[in-house]
Every structure is written in C-alpha cells, then in structure tokens.
Amino acid sequence: MKYVAKHGLPDRSRARVVVEKAYEAYKVKLADHKPTLAWSTESEGELSFSVLGKTLSVQIHVTDVEVKIEGDMPWMFKPFQGKVERVLGDEIEKWAAKARAGEV
C-alpha cells in the first residue's frame, strides 16, 4: 500500500499537524479498529489499527513537500487496500486543505 499527498504547506511541522488532525478524525470514525499513532522522529511515524484480530501498521513519512503513507497489506486484506488508502488519503487531503486555508 502506498499513498502520497502533496500537502502544499510551508514546512513539515505544519504537515505533521495535518497528520495529527487527520488521525484524530480517523480515531473517532474507526474507534472499533483501535487506531494508534506513534512518532519515532519529528517526521516519521507509524499508524496501527486492528482488523479481524490482526494489527496492521503503515509508516508515515512527512517531508517538506508531501505526506507518504506506506505499508504492506497481508494478502487476506488486499481486497480492502483501496478502501484503506481512500479513508487515510481523504482525511489527509481534507486537513491539508484546512491548513492551507488557515483553519488549522
């Protein structure tokens, strides 16, 4: 799985705020999947969630230009990969637009 969003913000710290806002919305909408977000550095993090008793993780990389979300989907979840990419991507895009508009 790979999703890349051009955030259009002046720096990666603002883009990280976008990721955190998107996560907060995602966490509420998909609480049954027990999502977690953990940052290992200022621009590298891991988003994990549970599906059918399995924990899936994706890596988040924030650069000065884009937010990259990458992770391996186990074969049994491949049919849901597009949906996961859309859900994550839609939240990132929505919050990036709000940040560009000065709402975040």
PDB file of N, CA and C in Angstrom:
ATOM      1  N   MET A   1       0.839  -1.162   0.000  1.00  0.00           N
ATOM      2  CA  MET A   1       0.000   0.000   0.000  1.00  0.00           C
ATOM      3  C   MET A   1       0.889   1.231   0.000  1.00  0.00           C
ATOM      4  N   LYS A   2       0.526   2.199  -0.814  1.00  0.00           N
ATOM      5  CA  LYS A   2       1.283   3.442  -0.848  1.00  0.00           C
ATOM      6  C   LYS A   2       0.342   4.580  -1.222  1.00  0.00           C
ATOM      7  N   TYR A   3       0.388   5.648  -0.442  1.00  0.00           N
ATOM      8  CA  TYR A   3      -0.399   6.836  -0.725  1.00  0.00           C
ATOM      9  C   TYR A   3       0.508   8.042  -0.522  1.00  0.00           C
ATOM     10  N   VAL A   4       0.473   8.969  -1.451  1.00  0.00           N
ATOM     11  CA  VAL A   4       1.285  10.181  -1.354  1.00  0.00           C
ATOM     12  C   VAL A   4       0.373  11.381  -1.566  1.00  0.00           C
ATOM     13  N   ALA A   5       0.454  12.339  -0.651  1.00  0.00           N
ATOM     14  CA  ALA A   5      -0.318  13.577  -0.761  1.00  0.00           C
ATOM     15  C   ALA A   5       0.630  14.763  -0.728  1.00  0.00           C
ATOM     16  N   LYS A   6       0.550  15.616  -1.704  1.00  0.00           N
ATOM     17  CA  LYS A   6       1.288  16.879  -1.697  1.00  0.00           C
ATOM     18  C   LYS A   6       0.536  17.814  -0.753  1.00  0.00           C
ATOM     19  N   HIS A   7       1.173  18.214   0.341  1.00  0.00           N
ATOM     20  CA  HIS A   7       0.449  18.992   1.346  1.00  0.00           C
ATOM     21  C   HIS A   7       0.383  20.478   1.047  1.00  0.00           C
ATOM     22  N   GLY A   8       1.322  21.041   0.296  1.00  0.00           N
ATOM     23  CA  GLY A   8       1.271  22.454  -0.068  1.00  0.00           C
ATOM     24  C   GLY A   8       1.431  23.410   1.102  1.00  0.00           C
ATOM     25  N   LEU A   9       2.099  22.975   2.155  1.00  0.00           N
ATOM     26  CA  LEU A   9       2.293  23.812   3.343  1.00  0.00           C
ATOM     27  C   LEU A   9       3.742  24.288   3.406  1.00  0.00           C
ATOM     28  N   PRO A  10       4.014  25.345   4.164  1.00  0.00           N
ATOM     29  CA  PRO A  10       5.353  25.925   4.160  1.00  0.00           C
ATOM     30  C   PRO A  10       6.445  25.057   4.795  1.00  0.00           C
ATOM     31  N   ASP A  11       6.063  24.120   5.660  1.00  0.00           N
ATOM     32  CA  ASP A  11       7.094  23.279   6.274  1.00  0.00           C
ATOM     33  C   ASP A  11       6.494  21.975   6.789  1.00  0.00           C
ATOM     34  N   ARG A  12       7.376  21.065   7.130  1.00  0.00           N
ATOM     35  CA  ARG A  12       6.925  19.739   7.563  1.00  0.00           C
ATOM     36  C   ARG A  12       6.264  19.745   8.937  1.00  0.00           C
ATOM     37  N   SER A  13       6.572  20.732   9.782  1.00  0.00           N
ATOM     38  CA  SER A  13       5.915  20.759  11.092  1.00  0.00           C
ATOM     39  C   SER A  13       4.417  21.029  10.939  1.00  0.00           C
ATOM     40  N   ARG A  14       4.053  21.873   9.983  1.00  0.00           N
ATOM     41  CA  ARG A  14       2.626  22.122   9.705  1.00  0.00           C
ATOM     42  C   ARG A  14       1.994  20.868   9.103  1.00  0.00           C
ATOM     43  N   ALA A  15       2.729  20.160   8.282  1.00  0.00           N
ATOM     44  CA  ALA A  15       2.211  18.925   7.689  1.00  0.00           C
ATOM     45  C   ALA A  15       2.013  17.858   8.765  1.00  0.00           C
ATOM     46  N   ARG A  16       2.875  17.838   9.749  1.00  0.00           N
ATOM     47  CA  ARG A  16       2.706  16.882  10.848  1.00  0.00           C
ATOM     48  C   ARG A  16       1.416  17.176  11.611  1.00  0.00           C
ATOM     49  N   VAL A  17       1.103  18.448  11.807  1.00  0.00           N
ATOM     50  CA  VAL A  17      -0.153  18.829  12.451  1.00  0.00           C
ATOM     51  C   VAL A  17      -1.334  18.302  11.629  1.00  0.00           C
ATOM     52  N   VAL A  18      -1.229  18.373  10.307  1.00  0.00           N
ATOM     53  CA  VAL A  18      -2.265  17.838   9.423  1.00  0.00           C
ATOM     54  C   VAL A  18      -2.456  16.346   9.683  1.00  0.00           C
ATOM     55  N   VAL A  19      -1.358  15.614   9.770  1.00  0.00           N
ATOM     56  CA  VAL A  19      -1.432  14.172  10.035  1.00  0.00           C
ATOM     57  C   VAL A  19      -2.105  13.921  11.379  1.00  0.00           C
ATOM     58  N   GLU A  20      -1.743  14.699  12.380  1.00  0.00           N
ATOM     59  CA  GLU A  20      -2.324  14.511  13.711  1.00  0.00           C
ATOM     60  C   GLU A  20      -3.820  14.826  13.728  1.00  0.00           C
ATOM     61  N   LYS A  21      -4.236  15.865  13.020  1.00  0.00           N
ATOM     62  CA  LYS A  21      -5.662  16.208  12.929  1.00  0.00           C
ATOM     63  C   LYS A  21      -6.416  15.109  12.173  1.00  0.00           C
ATOM     64  N   ALA A  22      -5.831  14.638  11.094  1.00  0.00           N
ATOM     65  CA  ALA A  22      -6.457  13.553  10.334  1.00  0.00           C
ATOM     66  C   ALA A  22      -6.591  12.308  11.199  1.00  0.00           C
ATOM     67  N   TYR A  23      -5.565  12.023  11.979  1.00  0.00           N
ATOM     68  CA  TYR A  23      -5.606  10.862  12.878  1.00  0.00           C
ATOM     69  C   TYR A  23      -6.727  11.015  13.907  1.00  0.00           C
ATOM     70  N   GLU A  24      -6.872  12.194  14.488  1.00  0.00           N
ATOM     71  CA  GLU A  24      -7.916  12.411  15.490  1.00  0.00           C
ATOM     72  C   GLU A  24      -9.298  12.131  14.890  1.00  0.00           C
ATOM     73  N   ALA A  25      -9.536  12.589  13.666  1.00  0.00           N
ATOM     74  CA  ALA A  25     -10.812  12.319  12.999  1.00  0.00           C
ATOM     75  C   ALA A  25     -10.954  10.831  12.688  1.00  0.00           C
ATOM     76  N   TYR A  26      -9.883  10.229  12.217  1.00  0.00           N
ATOM     77  CA  TYR A  26      -9.859   8.801  11.885  1.00  0.00           C
ATOM     78  C   TYR A  26     -10.113   7.971  13.137  1.00  0.00           C
ATOM     79  N   LYS A  27      -9.505   8.378  14.244  1.00  0.00           N
ATOM     80  CA  LYS A  27      -9.628   7.648  15.509  1.00  0.00           C
ATOM     81  C   LYS A  27     -11.084   7.605  15.977  1.00  0.00           C
ATOM     82  N   VAL A  28     -11.816   8.682  15.787  1.00  0.00           N
ATOM     83  CA  VAL A  28     -13.221   8.727  16.191  1.00  0.00           C
ATOM     84  C   VAL A  28     -14.085   7.884  15.247  1.00  0.00           C
ATOM     85  N   LYS A  29     -13.881   8.047  13.955  1.00  0.00           N
ATOM     86  CA  LYS A  29     -14.693   7.331  12.964  1.00  0.00           C
ATOM     87  C   LYS A  29     -14.485   5.822  13.012  1.00  0.00           C
ATOM     88  N   LEU A  30     -13.267   5.408  13.293  1.00  0.00           N
ATOM     89  CA  LEU A  30     -12.934   3.981  13.248  1.00  0.00           C
ATOM     90  C   LEU A  30     -12.459   3.465  14.605  1.00  0.00           C
ATOM     91  N   ALA A  31     -13.115   3.915  15.657  1.00  0.00           N
ATOM     92  CA  ALA A  31     -12.710   3.537  17.014  1.00  0.00           C
ATOM     93  C   ALA A  31     -12.711   2.027  17.221  1.00  0.00           C
ATOM     94  N   ASP A  32     -13.595   1.315  16.546  1.00  0.00           N
ATOM     95  CA  ASP A  32     -13.659  -0.146  16.685  1.00  0.00           C
ATOM     96  C   ASP A  32     -12.369  -0.825  16.250  1.00  0.00           C
ATOM     97  N   HIS A  33     -11.570  -0.146  15.434  1.00  0.00           N
ATOM     98  CA  HIS A  33     -10.322  -0.721  14.930  1.00  0.00           C
ATOM     99  C   HIS A  33      -9.110  -0.338  15.781  1.00  0.00           C
ATOM    100  N   LYS A  34      -9.340   0.342  16.888  1.00  0.00           N
ATOM    101  CA  LYS A  34      -8.296   0.700  17.861  1.00  0.00           C
ATOM    102  C   LYS A  34      -7.051   1.323  17.217  1.00  0.00           C
ATOM    103  N   PRO A  35      -7.228   2.414  16.484  1.00  0.00           N
ATOM    104  CA  PRO A  35      -6.054   3.039  15.845  1.00  0.00           C
ATOM    105  C   PRO A  35      -5.115   3.678  16.858  1.00  0.00           C
ATOM    106  N   THR A  36      -3.828   3.645  16.529  1.00  0.00           N
ATOM    107  CA  THR A  36      -2.809   4.332  17.322  1.00  0.00           C
ATOM    108  C   THR A  36      -1.852   5.037  16.366  1.00  0.00           C
ATOM    109  N   LEU A  37      -1.311   6.146  16.807  1.00  0.00           N
ATOM    110  CA  LEU A  37      -0.308   6.891  16.045  1.00  0.00           C
ATOM    111  C   LEU A  37       0.861   7.141  16.969  1.00  0.00           C
ATOM    112  N   ALA A  38       2.044   6.728  16.556  1.00  0.00           N
ATOM    113  CA  ALA A  38       3.252   6.933  17.355  1.00  0.00           C
ATOM    114  C   ALA A  38       4.334   7.533  16.468  1.00  0.00           C
ATOM    115  N   TRP A  39       4.927   8.624  16.925  1.00  0.00           N
ATOM    116  CA  TRP A  39       6.007   9.283  16.188  1.00  0.00           C
ATOM    117  C   TRP A  39       7.351   8.795  16.721  1.00  0.00           C
ATOM    118  N   SER A  40       8.231   8.378  15.818  1.00  0.00           N
ATOM    119  CA  SER A  40       9.581   7.976  16.221  1.00  0.00           C
ATOM    120  C   SER A  40      10.557   9.140  16.059  1.00  0.00           C
ATOM    121  N   THR A  41      10.260  10.058  15.151  1.00  0.00           N
ATOM    122  CA  THR A  41      11.036  11.282  14.957  1.00  0.00           C
ATOM    123  C   THR A  41      10.038  12.397  14.648  1.00  0.00           C
ATOM    124  N   GLU A  42      10.532  13.582  14.392  1.00  0.00           N
ATOM    125  CA  GLU A  42       9.653  14.700  14.045  1.00  0.00           C
ATOM    126  C   GLU A  42       8.891  14.472  12.748  1.00  0.00           C
ATOM    127  N   SER A  43       9.424  13.615  11.884  1.00  0.00           N
ATOM    128  CA  SER A  43       8.775  13.427  10.576  1.00  0.00           C
ATOM    129  C   SER A  43       8.500  11.969  10.213  1.00  0.00           C
ATOM    130  N   GLU A  44       8.713  11.055  11.139  1.00  0.00           N
ATOM    131  CA  GLU A  44       8.483   9.634  10.875  1.00  0.00           C
ATOM    132  C   GLU A  44       7.551   9.075  11.945  1.00  0.00           C
ATOM    133  N   GLY A  45       6.505   8.398  11.500  1.00  0.00           N
ATOM    134  CA  GLY A  45       5.570   7.826  12.452  1.00  0.00           C
ATOM    135  C   GLY A  45       4.998   6.520  11.965  1.00  0.00           C
ATOM    136  N   GLU A  46       4.212   5.906  12.839  1.00  0.00           N
ATOM    137  CA  GLU A  46       3.556   4.653  12.494  1.00  0.00           C
ATOM    138  C   GLU A  46       2.110   4.724  12.939  1.00  0.00           C
ATOM    139  N   LEU A  47       1.221   4.388  12.021  1.00  0.00           N
ATOM    140  CA  LEU A  47      -0.199   4.294  12.309  1.00  0.00           C
ATOM    141  C   LEU A  47      -0.553   2.822  12.308  1.00  0.00           C
ATOM    142  N   SER A  48      -1.178   2.373  13.392  1.00  0.00           N
ATOM    143  CA  SER A  48      -1.582   0.969  13.507  1.00  0.00           C
ATOM    144  C   SER A  48      -3.070   0.896  13.778  1.00  0.00           C
ATOM    145  N   PHE A  49      -3.687  -0.186  13.330  1.00  0.00           N
ATOM    146  CA  PHE A  49      -5.093  -0.425  13.598  1.00  0.00           C
ATOM    147  C   PHE A  49      -5.342  -1.925  13.527  1.00  0.00           C
ATOM    148  N   SER A  50      -6.432  -2.356  14.126  1.00  0.00           N
ATOM    149  CA  SER A  50      -6.750  -3.778  14.183  1.00  0.00           C
ATOM    150  C   SER A  50      -7.926  -4.109  13.275  1.00  0.00           C
ATOM    151  N   VAL A  51      -7.799  -5.210  12.581  1.00  0.00           N
ATOM    152  CA  VAL A  51      -8.856  -5.717  11.712  1.00  0.00           C
ATOM    153  C   VAL A  51      -8.899  -7.227  11.882  1.00  0.00           C
ATOM    154  N   LEU A  52     -10.063  -7.739  12.232  1.00  0.00           N
ATOM    155  CA  LEU A  52     -10.246  -9.185  12.397  1.00  0.00           C
ATOM    156  C   LEU A  52      -9.184  -9.805  13.310  1.00  0.00           C
ATOM    157  N   GLY A  53      -8.865  -9.101  14.384  1.00  0.00           N
ATOM    158  CA  GLY A  53      -7.901  -9.621  15.337  1.00  0.00           C
ATOM    159  C   GLY A  53      -6.442  -9.477  14.935  1.00  0.00           C
ATOM    160  N   LYS A  54      -6.168  -8.892  13.788  1.00  0.00           N
ATOM    161  CA  LYS A  54      -4.797  -8.668  13.312  1.00  0.00           C
ATOM    162  C   LYS A  54      -4.480  -7.180  13.406  1.00  0.00           C
ATOM    163  N   THR A  55      -3.262  -6.864  13.779  1.00  0.00           N
ATOM    164  CA  THR A  55      -2.825  -5.474  13.809  1.00  0.00           C
ATOM    165  C   THR A  55      -2.080  -5.165  12.519  1.00  0.00           C
ATOM    166  N   LEU A  56      -2.531  -4.135  11.844  1.00  0.00           N
ATOM    167  CA  LEU A  56      -1.893  -3.674  10.617  1.00  0.00           C
ATOM    168  C   LEU A  56      -1.231  -2.339  10.898  1.00  0.00           C
ATOM    169  N   SER A  57      -0.065  -2.120  10.303  1.00  0.00           N
ATOM    170  CA  SER A  57       0.676  -0.875  10.512  1.00  0.00           C
ATOM    171  C   SER A  57       1.094  -0.286   9.183  1.00  0.00           C
ATOM    172  N   VAL A  58       1.089   1.035   9.131  1.00  0.00           N
ATOM    173  CA  VAL A  58       1.625   1.755   7.984  1.00  0.00           C
ATOM    174  C   VAL A  58       2.602   2.796   8.503  1.00  0.00           C
ATOM    175  N   GLN A  59       3.603   3.070   7.707  1.00  0.00           N
ATOM    176  CA  GLN A  59       4.611   4.074   8.049  1.00  0.00           C
ATOM    177  C   GLN A  59       4.183   5.412   7.460  1.00  0.00           C
ATOM    178  N   ILE A  60       4.392   6.470   8.215  1.00  0.00           N
ATOM    179  CA  ILE A  60       4.082   7.817   7.755  1.00  0.00           C
ATOM    180  C   ILE A  60       5.386   8.591   7.681  1.00  0.00           C
ATOM    181  N   HIS A  61       5.634   9.189   6.520  1.00  0.00           N
ATOM    182  CA  HIS A  61       6.840   9.990   6.291  1.00  0.00           C
ATOM    183  C   HIS A  61       6.377  11.394   5.884  1.00  0.00           C
ATOM    184  N   VAL A  62       6.753  12.393   6.655  1.00  0.00           N
ATOM    185  CA  VAL A  62       6.385  13.766   6.348  1.00  0.00           C
ATOM    186  C   VAL A  62       7.630  14.487   5.848  1.00  0.00           C
ATOM    187  N   THR A  63       7.541  15.020   4.635  1.00  0.00           N
ATOM    188  CA  THR A  63       8.644  15.802   4.082  1.00  0.00           C
ATOM    189  C   THR A  63       8.180  17.248   3.925  1.00  0.00           C
ATOM    190  N   ASP A  64       9.058  18.097   3.415  1.00  0.00           N
ATOM    191  CA  ASP A  64       8.686  19.489   3.192  1.00  0.00           C
ATOM    192  C   ASP A  64       7.634  19.642   2.096  1.00  0.00           C
ATOM    193  N   VAL A  65       7.427  18.604   1.303  1.00  0.00           N
ATOM    194  CA  VAL A  65       6.526  18.682   0.156  1.00  0.00           C
ATOM    195  C   VAL A  65       5.315  17.757   0.271  1.00  0.00           C
ATOM    196  N   GLU A  66       5.491  16.588   0.882  1.00  0.00           N
ATOM    197  CA  GLU A  66       4.417  15.600   0.849  1.00  0.00           C
ATOM    198  C   GLU A  66       4.333  14.769   2.124  1.00  0.00           C
ATOM    199  N   VAL A  67       3.201  14.087   2.235  1.00  0.00           N
ATOM    200  CA  VAL A  67       2.983  13.090   3.276  1.00  0.00           C
ATOM    201  C   VAL A  67       2.882  11.756   2.561  1.00  0.00           C
ATOM    202  N   LYS A  68       3.748  10.816   2.947  1.00  0.00           N
ATOM    203  CA  LYS A  68       3.732   9.484   2.348  1.00  0.00           C
ATOM    204  C   LYS A  68       3.235   8.493   3.384  1.00  0.00           C
ATOM    205  N   ILE A  69       2.341   7.623   2.962  1.00  0.00           N
ATOM    206  CA  ILE A  69       1.847   6.547   3.816  1.00  0.00           C
ATOM    207  C   ILE A  69       2.148   5.252   3.084  1.00  0.00           C
ATOM    208  N   GLU A  70       2.940   4.393   3.729  1.00  0.00           N
ATOM    209  CA  GLU A  70       3.356   3.147   3.094  1.00  0.00           C
ATOM    210  C   GLU A  70       3.239   1.984   4.069  1.00  0.00           C
ATOM    211  N   GLY A  71       2.850   0.851   3.557  1.00  0.00           N
ATOM    212  CA  GLY A  71       2.790  -0.332   4.396  1.00  0.00           C
ATOM    213  C   GLY A  71       2.435  -1.558   3.573  1.00  0.00           C
ATOM    214  N   ASP A  72       2.770  -2.705   4.097  1.00  0.00           N
ATOM    215  CA  ASP A  72       2.442  -3.961   3.447  1.00  0.00           C
ATOM    216  C   ASP A  72       1.112  -4.468   3.972  1.00  0.00           C
ATOM    217  N   MET A  73       0.239  -4.804   3.062  1.00  0.00           N
ATOM    218  CA  MET A  73      -1.046  -5.385   3.434  1.00  0.00           C
ATOM    219  C   MET A  73      -0.944  -6.897   3.302  1.00  0.00           C
ATOM    220  N   PRO A  74      -1.287  -7.619   4.358  1.00  0.00           N
ATOM    221  CA  PRO A  74      -1.330  -9.077   4.226  1.00  0.00           C
ATOM    222  C   PRO A  74      -2.311  -9.468   3.115  1.00  0.00           C
ATOM    223  N   TRP A  75      -2.045 -10.566   2.469  1.00  0.00           N
ATOM    224  CA  TRP A  75      -2.850 -10.972   1.312  1.00  0.00           C
ATOM    225  C   TRP A  75      -4.333 -11.035   1.625  1.00  0.00           C
ATOM    226  N   MET A  76      -4.710 -11.438   2.836  1.00  0.00           N
ATOM    227  CA  MET A  76      -6.132 -11.567   3.156  1.00  0.00           C
ATOM    228  C   MET A  76      -6.847 -10.209   3.236  1.00  0.00           C
ATOM    229  N   PHE A  77      -6.066  -9.118   3.340  1.00  0.00           N
ATOM    230  CA  PHE A  77      -6.659  -7.785   3.403  1.00  0.00           C
ATOM    231  C   PHE A  77      -6.516  -7.009   2.097  1.00  0.00           C
ATOM    232  N   LYS A  78      -5.898  -7.617   1.090  1.00  0.00           N
ATOM    233  CA  LYS A  78      -5.713  -6.932  -0.196  1.00  0.00           C
ATOM    234  C   LYS A  78      -7.021  -6.396  -0.775  1.00  0.00           C
ATOM    235  N   PRO A  79      -8.152  -7.117  -0.641  1.00  0.00           N
ATOM    236  CA  PRO A  79      -9.397  -6.565  -1.186  1.00  0.00           C
ATOM    237  C   PRO A  79      -9.813  -5.234  -0.548  1.00  0.00           C
ATOM    238  N   PHE A  80      -9.320  -4.956   0.660  1.00  0.00           N
ATOM    239  CA  PHE A  80      -9.683  -3.731   1.372  1.00  0.00           C
ATOM    240  C   PHE A  80      -8.645  -2.624   1.218  1.00  0.00           C
ATOM    241  N   GLN A  81      -7.569  -2.894   0.505  1.00  0.00           N
ATOM    242  CA  GLN A  81      -6.468  -1.936   0.389  1.00  0.00           C
ATOM    243  C   GLN A  81      -6.932  -0.602  -0.182  1.00  0.00           C
ATOM    244  N   GLY A  82      -7.724  -0.633  -1.226  1.00  0.00           N
ATOM    245  CA  GLY A  82      -8.207   0.605  -1.836  1.00  0.00           C
ATOM    246  C   GLY A  82      -9.023   1.427  -0.862  1.00  0.00           C
ATOM    247  N   LYS A  83      -9.862   0.768  -0.086  1.00  0.00           N
ATOM    248  CA  LYS A  83     -10.681   1.482   0.896  1.00  0.00           C
ATOM    249  C   LYS A  83      -9.811   2.118   1.973  1.00  0.00           C
ATOM    250  N   VAL A  84      -8.831   1.383   2.464  1.00  0.00           N
ATOM    251  CA  VAL A  84      -7.927   1.922   3.478  1.00  0.00           C
ATOM    252  C   VAL A  84      -7.187   3.138   2.925  1.00  0.00           C
ATOM    253  N   GLU A  85      -6.677   3.035   1.699  1.00  0.00           N
ATOM    254  CA  GLU A  85      -5.982   4.161   1.082  1.00  0.00           C
ATOM    255  C   GLU A  85      -6.903   5.367   0.948  1.00  0.00           C
ATOM    256  N   ARG A  86      -8.152   5.141   0.536  1.00  0.00           N
ATOM    257  CA  ARG A  86      -9.102   6.246   0.387  1.00  0.00           C
ATOM    258  C   ARG A  86      -9.415   6.905   1.724  1.00  0.00           C
ATOM    259  N   VAL A  87      -9.659   6.092   2.749  1.00  0.00           N
ATOM    260  CA  VAL A  87     -10.001   6.645   4.068  1.00  0.00           C
ATOM    261  C   VAL A  87      -8.846   7.493   4.599  1.00  0.00           C
ATOM    262  N   LEU A  88      -7.643   6.933   4.578  1.00  0.00           N
ATOM    263  CA  LEU A  88      -6.478   7.678   5.064  1.00  0.00           C
ATOM    264  C   LEU A  88      -6.216   8.906   4.197  1.00  0.00           C
ATOM    265  N   GLY A  89      -6.228   8.715   2.886  1.00  0.00           N
ATOM    266  CA  GLY A  89      -5.954   9.805   1.959  1.00  0.00           C
ATOM    267  C   GLY A  89      -6.964  10.930   2.048  1.00  0.00           C
ATOM    268  N   ASP A  90      -8.249  10.582   2.159  1.00  0.00           N
ATOM    269  CA  ASP A  90      -9.285  11.612   2.251  1.00  0.00           C
ATOM    270  C   ASP A  90      -9.097  12.482   3.492  1.00  0.00           C
ATOM    271  N   GLU A  91      -8.767  11.867   4.608  1.00  0.00           N
ATOM    272  CA  GLU A  91      -8.559  12.655   5.834  1.00  0.00           C
ATOM    273  C   GLU A  91      -7.338  13.556   5.703  1.00  0.00           C
ATOM    274  N   ILE A  92      -6.240  13.033   5.148  1.00  0.00           N
ATOM    275  CA  ILE A  92      -5.036  13.858   4.953  1.00  0.00           C
ATOM    276  C   ILE A  92      -5.355  15.031   4.039  1.00  0.00           C
ATOM    277  N   GLU A  93      -6.016  14.751   2.911  1.00  0.00           N
ATOM    278  CA  GLU A  93      -6.345  15.817   1.946  1.00  0.00           C
ATOM    279  C   GLU A  93      -7.259  16.869   2.571  1.00  0.00           C
ATOM    280  N   LYS A  94      -8.254  16.423   3.319  1.00  0.00           N
ATOM    281  CA  LYS A  94      -9.210  17.354   3.941  1.00  0.00           C
ATOM    282  C   LYS A  94      -8.495  18.288   4.924  1.00  0.00           C
ATOM    283  N   TRP A  95      -7.636  17.727   5.782  1.00  0.00           N
ATOM    284  CA  TRP A  95      -6.955  18.542   6.784  1.00  0.00           C
ATOM    285  C   TRP A  95      -5.852  19.400   6.168  1.00  0.00           C
ATOM    286  N   ALA A  96      -5.234  18.928   5.103  1.00  0.00           N
ATOM    287  CA  ALA A  96      -4.236  19.762   4.404  1.00  0.00           C
ATOM    288  C   ALA A  96      -4.925  20.989   3.801  1.00  0.00           C
ATOM    289  N   ALA A  97      -6.096  20.805   3.228  1.00  0.00           N
ATOM    290  CA  ALA A  97      -6.844  21.932   2.669  1.00  0.00           C
ATOM    291  C   ALA A  97      -7.212  22.925   3.768  1.00  0.00           C
ATOM    292  N   LYS A  98      -7.636  22.427   4.919  1.00  0.00           N
ATOM    293  CA  LYS A  98      -7.953  23.310   6.037  1.00  0.00           C
ATOM    294  C   LYS A  98      -6.716  24.063   6.503  1.00  0.00           C
ATOM    295  N   ALA A  99      -5.579  23.394   6.557  1.00  0.00           N
ATOM    296  CA  ALA A  99      -4.333  24.045   6.977  1.00  0.00           C
ATOM    297  C   ALA A  99      -3.920  25.132   5.971  1.00  0.00           C
ATOM    298  N   ARG A 100      -4.052  24.843   4.683  1.00  0.00           N
ATOM    299  CA  ARG A 100      -3.717  25.854   3.669  1.00  0.00           C
ATOM    300  C   ARG A 100      -4.636  27.071   3.760  1.00  0.00           C
ATOM    301  N   ALA A 101      -5.876  26.840   4.199  1.00  0.00           N
ATOM    302  CA  ALA A 101      -6.848  27.921   4.334  1.00  0.00           C
ATOM    303  C   ALA A 101      -6.696  28.655   5.667  1.00  0.00           C
ATOM    304  N   GLY A 102      -5.759  28.224   6.496  1.00  0.00           N
ATOM    305  CA  GLY A 102      -5.530  28.873   7.789  1.00  0.00           C
ATOM    306  C   GLY A 102      -6.488  28.454   8.889  1.00  0.00           C
ATOM    307  N   GLU A 103      -7.221  27.363   8.668  1.00  0.00           N
ATOM    308  CA  GLU A 103      -8.195  26.899   9.650  1.00  0.00           C
ATOM    309  C   GLU A 103      -7.582  25.985  10.713  1.00  0.00           C
ATOM    310  N   VAL A 104      -6.342  25.577  10.521  1.00  0.00           N
ATOM    311  CA  VAL A 104      -5.675  24.679  11.481  1.00  0.00           C
ATOM    312  C   VAL A 104      -4.411  25.360  11.968  1.00  0.00           C
TER     313      VAL A 104
END
